Amino acid sequence: NHDAWCEDWLVSGHTPDVWLFNGGKSTLESYEDYLPEKLDLHLEF
């Protein structure tokens, strides 16, 4: 379920509060310096 949330963010940029509250904030922070092409590779994964 957490992977589905992260995938939704990679697709749409949407960051629902329920995701941020349940660990999504730390995930966003870990991606702060990622280039768009690397984000695309992760989305494919």
PDB file of all heavy atoms in Angstrom:
ATOM      1  N   ASN A   1       0.818  -1.215   0.000  1.00  0.00           N
ATOM      2  CA  ASN A   1       0.000   0.000   0.000  1.00  0.00           C
ATOM      3  C   ASN A   1       0.851   1.264   0.000  1.00  0.00           C
ATOM      4  O   ASN A   1       0.516   2.263  -0.652  1.00  0.00           O
ATOM      5  CB  ASN A   1      -0.979   0.004   1.181  1.00  0.00           C
ATOM      6  CG  ASN A   1      -0.301  -0.161   2.524  1.00  0.00           C
ATOM      7  OD1 ASN A   1       0.409  -1.151   2.767  1.00  0.00           O
ATOM      8  ND2 ASN A   1      -0.516   0.789   3.428  1.00  0.00           N
ATOM      9  N   HIS A   2       1.984   1.227   0.699  1.00  0.00           N
ATOM     10  CA  HIS A   2       2.855   2.401   0.715  1.00  0.00           C
ATOM     11  C   HIS A   2       3.516   2.616  -0.643  1.00  0.00           C
ATOM     12  O   HIS A   2       3.754   3.768  -1.047  1.00  0.00           O
ATOM     13  CB  HIS A   2       3.902   2.262   1.820  1.00  0.00           C
ATOM     14  CG  HIS A   2       3.329   2.428   3.188  1.00  0.00           C
ATOM     15  ND1 HIS A   2       3.290   3.641   3.852  1.00  0.00           N
ATOM     16  CD2 HIS A   2       2.739   1.539   4.017  1.00  0.00           C
ATOM     17  CE1 HIS A   2       2.711   3.497   5.025  1.00  0.00           C
ATOM     18  NE2 HIS A   2       2.361   2.218   5.157  1.00  0.00           N
ATOM     19  N   ASP A   3       3.794   1.539  -1.334  1.00  0.00           N
ATOM     20  CA  ASP A   3       4.368   1.649  -2.672  1.00  0.00           C
ATOM     21  C   ASP A   3       3.352   2.247  -3.647  1.00  0.00           C
ATOM     22  O   ASP A   3       3.720   3.025  -4.537  1.00  0.00           O
ATOM     23  CB  ASP A   3       4.830   0.274  -3.155  1.00  0.00           C
ATOM     24  CG  ASP A   3       5.666  -0.435  -2.102  1.00  0.00           C
ATOM     25  OD1 ASP A   3       6.565   0.212  -1.532  1.00  0.00           O
ATOM     26  OD2 ASP A   3       5.401  -1.615  -1.819  1.00  0.00           O
ATOM     27  N   ALA A   4       2.092   1.890  -3.471  1.00  0.00           N
ATOM     28  CA  ALA A   4       1.039   2.463  -4.313  1.00  0.00           C
ATOM     29  C   ALA A   4       0.914   3.963  -4.088  1.00  0.00           C
ATOM     30  O   ALA A   4       0.730   4.739  -5.040  1.00  0.00           O
ATOM     31  CB  ALA A   4      -0.296   1.770  -4.037  1.00  0.00           C
ATOM     32  N   TRP A   5       1.032   4.395  -2.841  1.00  0.00           N
ATOM     33  CA  TRP A   5       1.024   5.832  -2.547  1.00  0.00           C
ATOM     34  C   TRP A   5       2.187   6.536  -3.232  1.00  0.00           C
ATOM     35  O   TRP A   5       2.015   7.596  -3.847  1.00  0.00           O
ATOM     36  CB  TRP A   5       1.109   6.064  -1.042  1.00  0.00           C
ATOM     37  CG  TRP A   5      -0.188   6.065  -0.311  1.00  0.00           C
ATOM     38  CD1 TRP A   5      -1.405   6.446  -0.784  1.00  0.00           C
ATOM     39  CD2 TRP A   5      -0.397   5.682   1.059  1.00  0.00           C
ATOM     40  NE1 TRP A   5      -2.357   6.326   0.198  1.00  0.00           N
ATOM     41  CE2 TRP A   5      -1.770   5.863   1.341  1.00  0.00           C
ATOM     42  CE3 TRP A   5       0.436   5.213   2.063  1.00  0.00           C
ATOM     43  CZ2 TRP A   5      -2.324   5.590   2.593  1.00  0.00           C
ATOM     44  CZ3 TRP A   5      -0.112   4.934   3.320  1.00  0.00           C
ATOM     45  CH2 TRP A   5      -1.472   5.123   3.573  1.00  0.00           C
ATOM     46  N   CYS A   6       3.375   5.953  -3.106  1.00  0.00           N
ATOM     47  CA  CYS A   6       4.560   6.570  -3.697  1.00  0.00           C
ATOM     48  C   CYS A   6       4.440   6.599  -5.218  1.00  0.00           C
ATOM     49  O   CYS A   6       4.801   7.593  -5.858  1.00  0.00           O
ATOM     50  CB  CYS A   6       5.813   5.803  -3.265  1.00  0.00           C
ATOM     51  SG  CYS A   6       7.365   6.606  -3.736  1.00  0.00           S
ATOM     52  N   GLU A   7       3.933   5.552  -5.789  1.00  0.00           N
ATOM     53  CA  GLU A   7       3.724   5.515  -7.243  1.00  0.00           C
ATOM     54  C   GLU A   7       2.764   6.620  -7.683  1.00  0.00           C
ATOM     55  O   GLU A   7       3.006   7.295  -8.699  1.00  0.00           O
ATOM     56  CB  GLU A   7       3.182   4.153  -7.652  1.00  0.00           C
ATOM     57  CG  GLU A   7       2.938   4.016  -9.144  1.00  0.00           C
ATOM     58  CD  GLU A   7       2.322   2.673  -9.510  1.00  0.00           C
ATOM     59  OE1 GLU A   7       2.202   1.790  -8.630  1.00  0.00           O
ATOM     60  OE2 GLU A   7       1.950   2.506 -10.693  1.00  0.00           O
ATOM     61  N   ASP A   8       1.690   6.798  -6.934  1.00  0.00           N
ATOM     62  CA  ASP A   8       0.737   7.862  -7.262  1.00  0.00           C
ATOM     63  C   ASP A   8       1.418   9.228  -7.250  1.00  0.00           C
ATOM     64  O   ASP A   8       1.146  10.077  -8.113  1.00  0.00           O
ATOM     65  CB  ASP A   8      -0.432   7.858  -6.272  1.00  0.00           C
ATOM     66  CG  ASP A   8      -1.378   6.696  -6.484  1.00  0.00           C
ATOM     67  OD1 ASP A   8      -1.315   6.059  -7.557  1.00  0.00           O
ATOM     68  OD2 ASP A   8      -2.174   6.408  -5.564  1.00  0.00           O
ATOM     69  N   TRP A   9       2.301   9.439  -6.271  1.00  0.00           N
ATOM     70  CA  TRP A   9       3.024  10.713  -6.205  1.00  0.00           C
ATOM     71  C   TRP A   9       3.940  10.875  -7.413  1.00  0.00           C
ATOM     72  O   TRP A   9       3.998  11.954  -8.032  1.00  0.00           O
ATOM     73  CB  TRP A   9       3.837  10.799  -4.912  1.00  0.00           C
ATOM     74  CG  TRP A   9       4.868  11.886  -4.966  1.00  0.00           C
ATOM     75  CD1 TRP A   9       4.637  13.233  -5.011  1.00  0.00           C
ATOM     76  CD2 TRP A   9       6.288  11.718  -5.029  1.00  0.00           C
ATOM     77  NE1 TRP A   9       5.834  13.925  -5.094  1.00  0.00           N
ATOM     78  CE2 TRP A   9       6.856  13.008  -5.099  1.00  0.00           C
ATOM     79  CE3 TRP A   9       7.121  10.604  -5.011  1.00  0.00           C
ATOM     80  CZ2 TRP A   9       8.236  13.212  -5.171  1.00  0.00           C
ATOM     81  CZ3 TRP A   9       8.492  10.798  -5.079  1.00  0.00           C
ATOM     82  CH2 TRP A   9       9.047  12.086  -5.157  1.00  0.00           C
ATOM     83  N   LEU A  10       4.637   9.816  -7.796  1.00  0.00           N
ATOM     84  CA  LEU A  10       5.538   9.896  -8.952  1.00  0.00           C
ATOM     85  C   LEU A  10       4.773  10.183 -10.235  1.00  0.00           C
ATOM     86  O   LEU A  10       5.290  10.839 -11.143  1.00  0.00           O
ATOM     87  CB  LEU A  10       6.330   8.591  -9.088  1.00  0.00           C
ATOM     88  CG  LEU A  10       7.412   8.351  -8.023  1.00  0.00           C
ATOM     89  CD1 LEU A  10       7.940   6.925  -8.106  1.00  0.00           C
ATOM     90  CD2 LEU A  10       8.560   9.354  -8.203  1.00  0.00           C
ATOM     91  N   VAL A  11       3.536   9.725 -10.321  1.00  0.00           N
ATOM     92  CA  VAL A  11       2.717   9.946 -11.512  1.00  0.00           C
ATOM     93  C   VAL A  11       2.107  11.348 -11.516  1.00  0.00           C
ATOM     94  O   VAL A  11       2.160  12.069 -12.520  1.00  0.00           O
ATOM     95  CB  VAL A  11       1.590   8.892 -11.601  1.00  0.00           C
ATOM     96  CG1 VAL A  11       0.583   9.263 -12.688  1.00  0.00           C
ATOM     97  CG2 VAL A  11       2.176   7.517 -11.867  1.00  0.00           C
ATOM     98  N   SER A  12       1.531  11.742 -10.371  1.00  0.00           N
ATOM     99  CA  SER A  12       0.705  12.954 -10.347  1.00  0.00           C
ATOM    100  C   SER A  12       1.280  14.117  -9.551  1.00  0.00           C
ATOM    101  O   SER A  12       0.829  15.253  -9.697  1.00  0.00           O
ATOM    102  CB  SER A  12      -0.671  12.610  -9.755  1.00  0.00           C
ATOM    103  OG  SER A  12      -0.534  12.274  -8.370  1.00  0.00           O
ATOM    104  N   GLY A  13       2.251  13.835  -8.681  1.00  0.00           N
ATOM    105  CA  GLY A  13       2.759  14.868  -7.794  1.00  0.00           C
ATOM    106  C   GLY A  13       1.872  15.098  -6.584  1.00  0.00           C
ATOM    107  O   GLY A  13       2.164  15.948  -5.737  1.00  0.00           O
ATOM    108  N   HIS A  14       0.796  14.323  -6.480  1.00  0.00           N
ATOM    109  CA  HIS A  14      -0.160  14.489  -5.386  1.00  0.00           C
ATOM    110  C   HIS A  14       0.412  13.916  -4.093  1.00  0.00           C
ATOM    111  O   HIS A  14       0.948  12.810  -4.071  1.00  0.00           O
ATOM    112  CB  HIS A  14      -1.469  13.800  -5.737  1.00  0.00           C
ATOM    113  CG  HIS A  14      -2.557  14.027  -4.741  1.00  0.00           C
ATOM    114  ND1 HIS A  14      -2.890  15.273  -4.251  1.00  0.00           N
ATOM    115  CD2 HIS A  14      -3.415  13.152  -4.125  1.00  0.00           C
ATOM    116  CE1 HIS A  14      -3.877  15.172  -3.389  1.00  0.00           C
ATOM    117  NE2 HIS A  14      -4.210  13.902  -3.286  1.00  0.00           N
ATOM    118  N   THR A  15       0.277  14.673  -2.999  1.00  0.00           N
ATOM    119  CA  THR A  15       0.813  14.236  -1.698  1.00  0.00           C
ATOM    120  C   THR A  15      -0.291  14.307  -0.646  1.00  0.00           C
ATOM    121  O   THR A  15      -0.338  15.245   0.154  1.00  0.00           O
ATOM    122  CB  THR A  15       2.002  15.117  -1.265  1.00  0.00           C
ATOM    123  OG1 THR A  15       1.582  16.485  -1.222  1.00  0.00           O
ATOM    124  CG2 THR A  15       3.167  14.983  -2.233  1.00  0.00           C
ATOM    125  N   PRO A  16      -1.169  13.331  -0.599  1.00  0.00           N
ATOM    126  CA  PRO A  16      -2.260  13.364   0.388  1.00  0.00           C
ATOM    127  C   PRO A  16      -1.731  13.320   1.814  1.00  0.00           C
ATOM    128  O   PRO A  16      -0.705  12.695   2.098  1.00  0.00           O
ATOM    129  CB  PRO A  16      -3.066  12.115   0.048  1.00  0.00           C
ATOM    130  CG  PRO A  16      -2.110  11.211  -0.665  1.00  0.00           C
ATOM    131  CD  PRO A  16      -1.191  12.106  -1.417  1.00  0.00           C
ATOM    132  N   ASP A  17      -2.450  13.976   2.697  1.00  0.00           N
ATOM    133  CA  ASP A  17      -2.026  14.039   4.099  1.00  0.00           C
ATOM    134  C   ASP A  17      -1.895  12.653   4.717  1.00  0.00           C
ATOM    135  O   ASP A  17      -1.013  12.414   5.540  1.00  0.00           O
ATOM    136  CB  ASP A  17      -3.025  14.876   4.905  1.00  0.00           C
ATOM    137  CG  ASP A  17      -2.938  16.360   4.583  1.00  0.00           C
ATOM    138  OD1 ASP A  17      -1.918  16.786   4.010  1.00  0.00           O
ATOM    139  OD2 ASP A  17      -3.888  17.092   4.898  1.00  0.00           O
ATOM    140  N   VAL A  18      -2.792  11.726   4.330  1.00  0.00           N
ATOM    141  CA  VAL A  18      -2.740  10.389   4.923  1.00  0.00           C
ATOM    142  C   VAL A  18      -1.421   9.698   4.581  1.00  0.00           C
ATOM    143  O   VAL A  18      -0.875   8.946   5.397  1.00  0.00           O
ATOM    144  CB  VAL A  18      -3.948   9.542   4.464  1.00  0.00           C
ATOM    145  CG1 VAL A  18      -3.908   9.287   2.952  1.00  0.00           C
ATOM    146  CG2 VAL A  18      -4.005   8.228   5.230  1.00  0.00           C
ATOM    147  N   TRP A  19      -0.886   9.950   3.408  1.00  0.00           N
ATOM    148  CA  TRP A  19       0.410   9.382   3.032  1.00  0.00           C
ATOM    149  C   TRP A  19       1.535  10.061   3.797  1.00  0.00           C
ATOM    150  O   TRP A  19       2.399   9.392   4.376  1.00  0.00           O
ATOM    151  CB  TRP A  19       0.630   9.522   1.520  1.00  0.00           C
ATOM    152  CG  TRP A  19       1.984   9.004   1.064  1.00  0.00           C
ATOM    153  CD1 TRP A  19       2.559   7.819   1.427  1.00  0.00           C
ATOM    154  CD2 TRP A  19       2.897   9.666   0.199  1.00  0.00           C
ATOM    155  NE1 TRP A  19       3.796   7.696   0.818  1.00  0.00           N
ATOM    156  CE2 TRP A  19       4.022   8.812   0.058  1.00  0.00           C
ATOM    157  CE3 TRP A  19       2.883  10.879  -0.482  1.00  0.00           C
ATOM    158  CZ2 TRP A  19       5.129   9.146  -0.736  1.00  0.00           C
ATOM    159  CZ3 TRP A  19       3.973  11.207  -1.283  1.00  0.00           C
ATOM    160  CH2 TRP A  19       5.077  10.347  -1.399  1.00  0.00           C
ATOM    161  N   LEU A  20       1.531  11.384   3.824  1.00  0.00           N
ATOM    162  CA  LEU A  20       2.588  12.123   4.530  1.00  0.00           C
ATOM    163  C   LEU A  20       2.644  11.731   6.001  1.00  0.00           C
ATOM    164  O   LEU A  20       3.726  11.548   6.568  1.00  0.00           O
ATOM    165  CB  LEU A  20       2.362  13.628   4.383  1.00  0.00           C
ATOM    166  CG  LEU A  20       2.417  14.191   2.961  1.00  0.00           C
ATOM    167  CD1 LEU A  20       2.114  15.681   2.977  1.00  0.00           C
ATOM    168  CD2 LEU A  20       3.776  13.921   2.322  1.00  0.00           C
ATOM    169  N   PHE A  21       1.480  11.578   6.609  1.00  0.00           N
ATOM    170  CA  PHE A  21       1.414  11.240   8.032  1.00  0.00           C
ATOM    171  C   PHE A  21       1.911   9.833   8.300  1.00  0.00           C
ATOM    172  O   PHE A  21       2.436   9.539   9.378  1.00  0.00           O
ATOM    173  CB  PHE A  21      -0.034  11.391   8.530  1.00  0.00           C
ATOM    174  CG  PHE A  21      -0.211  11.059   9.985  1.00  0.00           C
ATOM    175  CD1 PHE A  21       0.194  11.951  10.974  1.00  0.00           C
ATOM    176  CD2 PHE A  21      -0.772   9.854  10.372  1.00  0.00           C
ATOM    177  CE1 PHE A  21       0.042  11.638  12.324  1.00  0.00           C
ATOM    178  CE2 PHE A  21      -0.931   9.532  11.714  1.00  0.00           C
ATOM    179  CZ  PHE A  21      -0.519  10.430  12.692  1.00  0.00           C
ATOM    180  N   ASN A  22       1.770   8.945   7.311  1.00  0.00           N
ATOM    181  CA  ASN A  22       2.144   7.541   7.498  1.00  0.00           C
ATOM    182  C   ASN A  22       3.487   7.189   6.863  1.00  0.00           C
ATOM    183  O   ASN A  22       3.678   6.068   6.396  1.00  0.00           O
ATOM    184  CB  ASN A  22       1.048   6.634   6.944  1.00  0.00           C
ATOM    185  CG  ASN A  22      -0.146   6.555   7.871  1.00  0.00           C
ATOM    186  OD1 ASN A  22      -0.108   5.891   8.895  1.00  0.00           O
ATOM    187  ND2 ASN A  22      -1.225   7.253   7.508  1.00  0.00           N
ATOM    188  N   GLY A  23       4.404   8.125   6.888  1.00  0.00           N
ATOM    189  CA  GLY A  23       5.764   7.851   6.439  1.00  0.00           C
ATOM    190  C   GLY A  23       6.140   8.487   5.120  1.00  0.00           C
ATOM    191  O   GLY A  23       7.313   8.475   4.725  1.00  0.00           O
ATOM    192  N   GLY A  24       5.158   9.037   4.398  1.00  0.00           N
ATOM    193  CA  GLY A  24       5.444   9.623   3.099  1.00  0.00           C
ATOM    194  C   GLY A  24       6.370  10.820   3.150  1.00  0.00           C
ATOM    195  O   GLY A  24       7.127  11.074   2.204  1.00  0.00           O
ATOM    196  N   LYS A  25       6.346  11.558   4.253  1.00  0.00           N
ATOM    197  CA  LYS A  25       7.194  12.745   4.365  1.00  0.00           C
ATOM    198  C   LYS A  25       8.667  12.373   4.243  1.00  0.00           C
ATOM    199  O   LYS A  25       9.440  13.039   3.545  1.00  0.00           O
ATOM    200  CB  LYS A  25       6.931  13.455   5.690  1.00  0.00           C
ATOM    201  CG  LYS A  25       7.684  14.759   5.865  1.00  0.00           C
ATOM    202  CD  LYS A  25       7.259  15.467   7.143  1.00  0.00           C
ATOM    203  CE  LYS A  25       7.971  16.804   7.316  1.00  0.00           C
ATOM    204  NZ  LYS A  25       9.431  16.621   7.524  1.00  0.00           N
ATOM    205  N   SER A  26       9.078  11.309   4.912  1.00  0.00           N
ATOM    206  CA  SER A  26      10.483  10.888   4.837  1.00  0.00           C
ATOM    207  C   SER A  26      10.836  10.403   3.435  1.00  0.00           C
ATOM    208  O   SER A  26      11.977  10.577   2.980  1.00  0.00           O
ATOM    209  CB  SER A  26      10.769   9.793   5.870  1.00  0.00           C
ATOM    210  OG  SER A  26      10.069   8.603   5.559  1.00  0.00           O
ATOM    211  N   THR A  27       9.869   9.804   2.750  1.00  0.00           N
ATOM    212  CA  THR A  27      10.115   9.359   1.371  1.00  0.00           C
ATOM    213  C   THR A  27      10.326  10.557   0.462  1.00  0.00           C
ATOM    214  O   THR A  27      11.267  10.582  -0.350  1.00  0.00           O
ATOM    215  CB  THR A  27       8.941   8.501   0.867  1.00  0.00           C
ATOM    216  OG1 THR A  27       8.844   7.327   1.677  1.00  0.00           O
ATOM    217  CG2 THR A  27       9.145   8.102  -0.580  1.00  0.00           C
ATOM    218  N   LEU A  28       9.484  11.568   0.569  1.00  0.00           N
ATOM    219  CA  LEU A  28       9.651  12.782  -0.221  1.00  0.00           C
ATOM    220  C   LEU A  28      11.023  13.401   0.011  1.00  0.00           C
ATOM    221  O   LEU A  28      11.706  13.817  -0.943  1.00  0.00           O
ATOM    222  CB  LEU A  28       8.564  13.790   0.122  1.00  0.00           C
ATOM    223  CG  LEU A  28       7.159  13.546  -0.432  1.00  0.00           C
ATOM    224  CD1 LEU A  28       6.224  14.648   0.035  1.00  0.00           C
ATOM    225  CD2 LEU A  28       7.174  13.467  -1.946  1.00  0.00           C
ATOM    226  N   GLU A  29      11.432  13.468   1.263  1.00  0.00           N
ATOM    227  CA  GLU A  29      12.729  14.064   1.585  1.00  0.00           C
ATOM    228  C   GLU A  29      13.885  13.275   0.981  1.00  0.00           C
ATOM    229  O   GLU A  29      14.892  13.848   0.569  1.00  0.00           O
ATOM    230  CB  GLU A  29      12.886  14.163   3.103  1.00  0.00           C
ATOM    231  CG  GLU A  29      11.947  15.188   3.736  1.00  0.00           C
ATOM    232  CD  GLU A  29      11.935  15.135   5.250  1.00  0.00           C
ATOM    233  OE1 GLU A  29      12.533  14.201   5.822  1.00  0.00           O
ATOM    234  OE2 GLU A  29      11.306  16.026   5.864  1.00  0.00           O
ATOM    235  N   SER A  30      13.723  11.966   0.889  1.00  0.00           N
ATOM    236  CA  SER A  30      14.795  11.147   0.318  1.00  0.00           C
ATOM    237  C   SER A  30      14.925  11.342  -1.184  1.00  0.00           C
ATOM    238  O   SER A  30      15.946  10.984  -1.778  1.00  0.00           O
ATOM    239  CB  SER A  30      14.549   9.660   0.632  1.00  0.00           C
ATOM    240  OG  SER A  30      13.558   9.097  -0.202  1.00  0.00           O
ATOM    241  N   TYR A  31      13.891  11.917  -1.816  1.00  0.00           N
ATOM    242  CA  TYR A  31      13.909  12.150  -3.256  1.00  0.00           C
ATOM    243  C   TYR A  31      14.207  13.605  -3.621  1.00  0.00           C
ATOM    244  O   TYR A  31      14.129  13.975  -4.799  1.00  0.00           O
ATOM    245  CB  TYR A  31      12.553  11.770  -3.855  1.00  0.00           C
ATOM    246  CG  TYR A  31      12.422  10.304  -4.212  1.00  0.00           C
ATOM    247  CD1 TYR A  31      11.658   9.448  -3.423  1.00  0.00           C
ATOM    248  CD2 TYR A  31      13.047   9.782  -5.346  1.00  0.00           C
ATOM    249  CE1 TYR A  31      11.522   8.105  -3.760  1.00  0.00           C
ATOM    250  CE2 TYR A  31      12.926   8.447  -5.674  1.00  0.00           C
ATOM    251  CZ  TYR A  31      12.172   7.615  -4.885  1.00  0.00           C
ATOM    252  OH  TYR A  31      12.045   6.288  -5.212  1.00  0.00           O
ATOM    253  N   GLU A  32      14.560  14.425  -2.660  1.00  0.00           N
ATOM    254  CA  GLU A  32      14.690  15.861  -2.906  1.00  0.00           C
ATOM    255  C   GLU A  32      15.673  16.207  -4.022  1.00  0.00           C
ATOM    256  O   GLU A  32      15.472  17.160  -4.773  1.00  0.00           O
ATOM    257  CB  GLU A  32      15.102  16.575  -1.613  1.00  0.00           C
ATOM    258  CG  GLU A  32      13.958  16.794  -0.651  1.00  0.00           C
ATOM    259  CD  GLU A  32      14.388  17.506   0.615  1.00  0.00           C
ATOM    260  OE1 GLU A  32      15.607  17.601   0.875  1.00  0.00           O
ATOM    261  OE2 GLU A  32      13.487  17.960   1.349  1.00  0.00           O
ATOM    262  N   ASP A  33      16.767  15.466  -4.137  1.00  0.00           N
ATOM    263  CA  ASP A  33      17.811  15.816  -5.096  1.00  0.00           C
ATOM    264  C   ASP A  33      17.792  14.961  -6.359  1.00  0.00           C
ATOM    265  O   ASP A  33      18.760  14.949  -7.124  1.00  0.00           O
ATOM    266  CB  ASP A  33      19.189  15.706  -4.428  1.00  0.00           C
ATOM    267  CG  ASP A  33      19.337  16.651  -3.244  1.00  0.00           C
ATOM    268  OD1 ASP A  33      18.795  17.776  -3.329  1.00  0.00           O
ATOM    269  OD2 ASP A  33      19.971  16.270  -2.245  1.00  0.00           O
ATOM    270  N   TYR A  34      16.703  14.237  -6.588  1.00  0.00           N
ATOM    271  CA  TYR A  34      16.639  13.349  -7.744  1.00  0.00           C
ATOM    272  C   TYR A  34      16.293  14.113  -9.024  1.00  0.00           C
ATOM    273  O   TYR A  34      15.411  14.964  -9.037  1.00  0.00           O
ATOM    274  CB  TYR A  34      15.608  12.245  -7.522  1.00  0.00           C
ATOM    275  CG  TYR A  34      16.208  10.983  -6.960  1.00  0.00           C
ATOM    276  CD1 TYR A  34      16.778  10.969  -5.688  1.00  0.00           C
ATOM    277  CD2 TYR A  34      16.233   9.806  -7.691  1.00  0.00           C
ATOM    278  CE1 TYR A  34      17.336   9.818  -5.160  1.00  0.00           C
ATOM    279  CE2 TYR A  34      16.793   8.643  -7.183  1.00  0.00           C
ATOM    280  CZ  TYR A  34      17.346   8.663  -5.916  1.00  0.00           C
ATOM    281  OH  TYR A  34      17.909   7.516  -5.408  1.00  0.00           O
ATOM    282  N   LEU A  35      16.999  13.764 -10.109  1.00  0.00           N
ATOM    283  CA  LEU A  35      16.711  14.348 -11.411  1.00  0.00           C
ATOM    284  C   LEU A  35      15.469  13.671 -12.004  1.00  0.00           C
ATOM    285  O   LEU A  35      15.171  12.514 -11.699  1.00  0.00           O
ATOM    286  CB  LEU A  35      17.899  14.162 -12.348  1.00  0.00           C
ATOM    287  CG  LEU A  35      19.201  14.853 -11.916  1.00  0.00           C
ATOM    288  CD1 LEU A  35      20.340  14.452 -12.844  1.00  0.00           C
ATOM    289  CD2 LEU A  35      19.020  16.364 -11.909  1.00  0.00           C
ATOM    290  N   PRO A  36      14.739  14.368 -12.871  1.00  0.00           N
ATOM    291  CA  PRO A  36      13.506  13.808 -13.450  1.00  0.00           C
ATOM    292  C   PRO A  36      13.708  12.453 -14.126  1.00  0.00           C
ATOM    293  O   PRO A  36      12.856  11.569 -14.004  1.00  0.00           O
ATOM    294  CB  PRO A  36      13.086  14.883 -14.461  1.00  0.00           C
ATOM    295  CG  PRO A  36      13.642  16.150 -13.903  1.00  0.00           C
ATOM    296  CD  PRO A  36      14.941  15.774 -13.278  1.00  0.00           C
ATOM    297  N   GLU A  37      14.822  12.273 -14.824  1.00  0.00           N
ATOM    298  CA  GLU A  37      15.033  10.992 -15.512  1.00  0.00           C
ATOM    299  C   GLU A  37      15.200   9.841 -14.527  1.00  0.00           C
ATOM    300  O   GLU A  37      14.786   8.706 -14.805  1.00  0.00           O
ATOM    301  CB  GLU A  37      16.240  11.066 -16.454  1.00  0.00           C
ATOM    302  CG  GLU A  37      17.539  11.528 -15.819  1.00  0.00           C
ATOM    303  CD  GLU A  37      17.763  13.030 -15.961  1.00  0.00           C
ATOM    304  OE1 GLU A  37      16.756  13.773 -15.985  1.00  0.00           O
ATOM    305  OE2 GLU A  37      18.923  13.442 -16.063  1.00  0.00           O
ATOM    306  N   LYS A  38      15.786  10.110 -13.361  1.00  0.00           N
ATOM    307  CA  LYS A  38      15.908   9.069 -12.343  1.00  0.00           C
ATOM    308  C   LYS A  38      14.562   8.775 -11.698  1.00  0.00           C
ATOM    309  O   LYS A  38      14.267   7.628 -11.363  1.00  0.00           O
ATOM    310  CB  LYS A  38      16.945   9.473 -11.287  1.00  0.00           C
ATOM    311  CG  LYS A  38      18.381   9.437 -11.779  1.00  0.00           C
ATOM    312  CD  LYS A  38      19.369   9.586 -10.654  1.00  0.00           C
ATOM    313  CE  LYS A  38      20.803   9.427 -11.158  1.00  0.00           C
ATOM    314  NZ  LYS A  38      21.796   9.528 -10.056  1.00  0.00           N
ATOM    315  N   LEU A  39      13.761   9.801 -11.534  1.00  0.00           N
ATOM    316  CA  LEU A  39      12.408   9.589 -11.015  1.00  0.00           C
ATOM    317  C   LEU A  39      11.604   8.716 -11.982  1.00  0.00           C
ATOM    318  O   LEU A  39      10.838   7.855 -11.550  1.00  0.00           O
ATOM    319  CB  LEU A  39      11.700  10.932 -10.809  1.00  0.00           C
ATOM    320  CG  LEU A  39      12.194  11.804  -9.654  1.00  0.00           C
ATOM    321  CD1 LEU A  39      11.439  13.128  -9.652  1.00  0.00           C
ATOM    322  CD2 LEU A  39      12.017  11.109  -8.321  1.00  0.00           C
ATOM    323  N   ASP A  40      11.798   8.920 -13.261  1.00  0.00           N
ATOM    324  CA  ASP A  40      11.098   8.104 -14.257  1.00  0.00           C
ATOM    325  C   ASP A  40      11.501   6.644 -14.148  1.00  0.00           C
ATOM    326  O   ASP A  40      10.668   5.741 -14.288  1.00  0.00           O
ATOM    327  CB  ASP A  40      11.389   8.624 -15.668  1.00  0.00           C
ATOM    328  CG  ASP A  40      10.715   9.959 -15.965  1.00  0.00           C
ATOM    329  OD1 ASP A  40       9.762  10.306 -15.238  1.00  0.00           O
ATOM    330  OD2 ASP A  40      11.142  10.646 -16.907  1.00  0.00           O
ATOM    331  N   LEU A  41      12.774   6.380 -13.905  1.00  0.00           N
ATOM    332  CA  LEU A  41      13.243   5.003 -13.750  1.00  0.00           C
ATOM    333  C   LEU A  41      12.612   4.353 -12.523  1.00  0.00           C
ATOM    334  O   LEU A  41      12.235   3.176 -12.556  1.00  0.00           O
ATOM    335  CB  LEU A  41      14.774   4.974 -13.644  1.00  0.00           C
ATOM    336  CG  LEU A  41      15.545   5.300 -14.923  1.00  0.00           C
ATOM    337  CD1 LEU A  41      17.051   5.379 -14.620  1.00  0.00           C
ATOM    338  CD2 LEU A  41      15.283   4.253 -15.997  1.00  0.00           C
ATOM    339  N   HIS A  42      12.486   5.114 -11.457  1.00  0.00           N
ATOM    340  CA  HIS A  42      11.870   4.579 -10.247  1.00  0.00           C
ATOM    341  C   HIS A  42      10.381   4.331 -10.465  1.00  0.00           C
ATOM    342  O   HIS A  42       9.836   3.334  -9.981  1.00  0.00           O
ATOM    343  CB  HIS A  42      12.102   5.528  -9.076  1.00  0.00           C
ATOM    344  CG  HIS A  42      13.488   5.437  -8.514  1.00  0.00           C
ATOM    345  ND1 HIS A  42      13.784   5.701  -7.195  1.00  0.00           N
ATOM    346  CD2 HIS A  42      14.663   5.096  -9.088  1.00  0.00           C
ATOM    347  CE1 HIS A  42      15.078   5.535  -6.990  1.00  0.00           C
ATOM    348  NE2 HIS A  42      15.626   5.181  -8.138  1.00  0.00           N
ATOM    349  N   LEU A  43       9.724   5.231 -11.193  1.00  0.00           N
ATOM    350  CA  LEU A  43       8.314   5.030 -11.504  1.00  0.00           C
ATOM    351  C   LEU A  43       8.123   3.738 -12.298  1.00  0.00           C
ATOM    352  O   LEU A  43       7.200   2.957 -12.015  1.00  0.00           O
ATOM    353  CB  LEU A  43       7.771   6.219 -12.293  1.00  0.00           C
ATOM    354  CG  LEU A  43       6.327   6.069 -12.810  1.00  0.00           C
ATOM    355  CD1 LEU A  43       5.352   5.823 -11.680  1.00  0.00           C
ATOM    356  CD2 LEU A  43       5.927   7.306 -13.615  1.00  0.00           C
ATOM    357  N   GLU A  44       8.984   3.487 -13.254  1.00  0.00           N
ATOM    358  CA  GLU A  44       8.899   2.249 -14.031  1.00  0.00           C
ATOM    359  C   GLU A  44       9.040   1.034 -13.122  1.00  0.00           C
ATOM    360  O   GLU A  44       8.365   0.016 -13.308  1.00  0.00           O
ATOM    361  CB  GLU A  44       9.980   2.228 -15.105  1.00  0.00           C
ATOM    362  CG  GLU A  44       9.760   3.224 -16.229  1.00  0.00           C
ATOM    363  CD  GLU A  44      10.905   3.234 -17.208  1.00  0.00           C
ATOM    364  OE1 GLU A  44      11.780   2.332 -17.130  1.00  0.00           O
ATOM    365  OE2 GLU A  44      10.959   4.155 -18.059  1.00  0.00           O
ATOM    366  N   PHE A  45       9.901   1.145 -12.124  1.00  0.00           N
ATOM    367  CA  PHE A  45      10.094   0.044 -11.177  1.00  0.00           C
ATOM    368  C   PHE A  45       8.808  -0.229 -10.394  1.00  0.00           C
ATOM    369  O   PHE A  45       8.383  -1.384 -10.263  1.00  0.00           O
ATOM    370  CB  PHE A  45      11.238   0.386 -10.226  1.00  0.00           C
ATOM    371  CG  PHE A  45      11.530  -0.668  -9.203  1.00  0.00           C
ATOM    372  CD1 PHE A  45      12.170  -1.849  -9.550  1.00  0.00           C
ATOM    373  CD2 PHE A  45      11.164  -0.490  -7.872  1.00  0.00           C
ATOM    374  CE1 PHE A  45      12.444  -2.827  -8.608  1.00  0.00           C
ATOM    375  CE2 PHE A  45      11.427  -1.464  -6.920  1.00  0.00           C
ATOM    376  CZ  PHE A  45      12.072  -2.630  -7.299  1.00  0.00           C
TER     377      PHE A  45
END
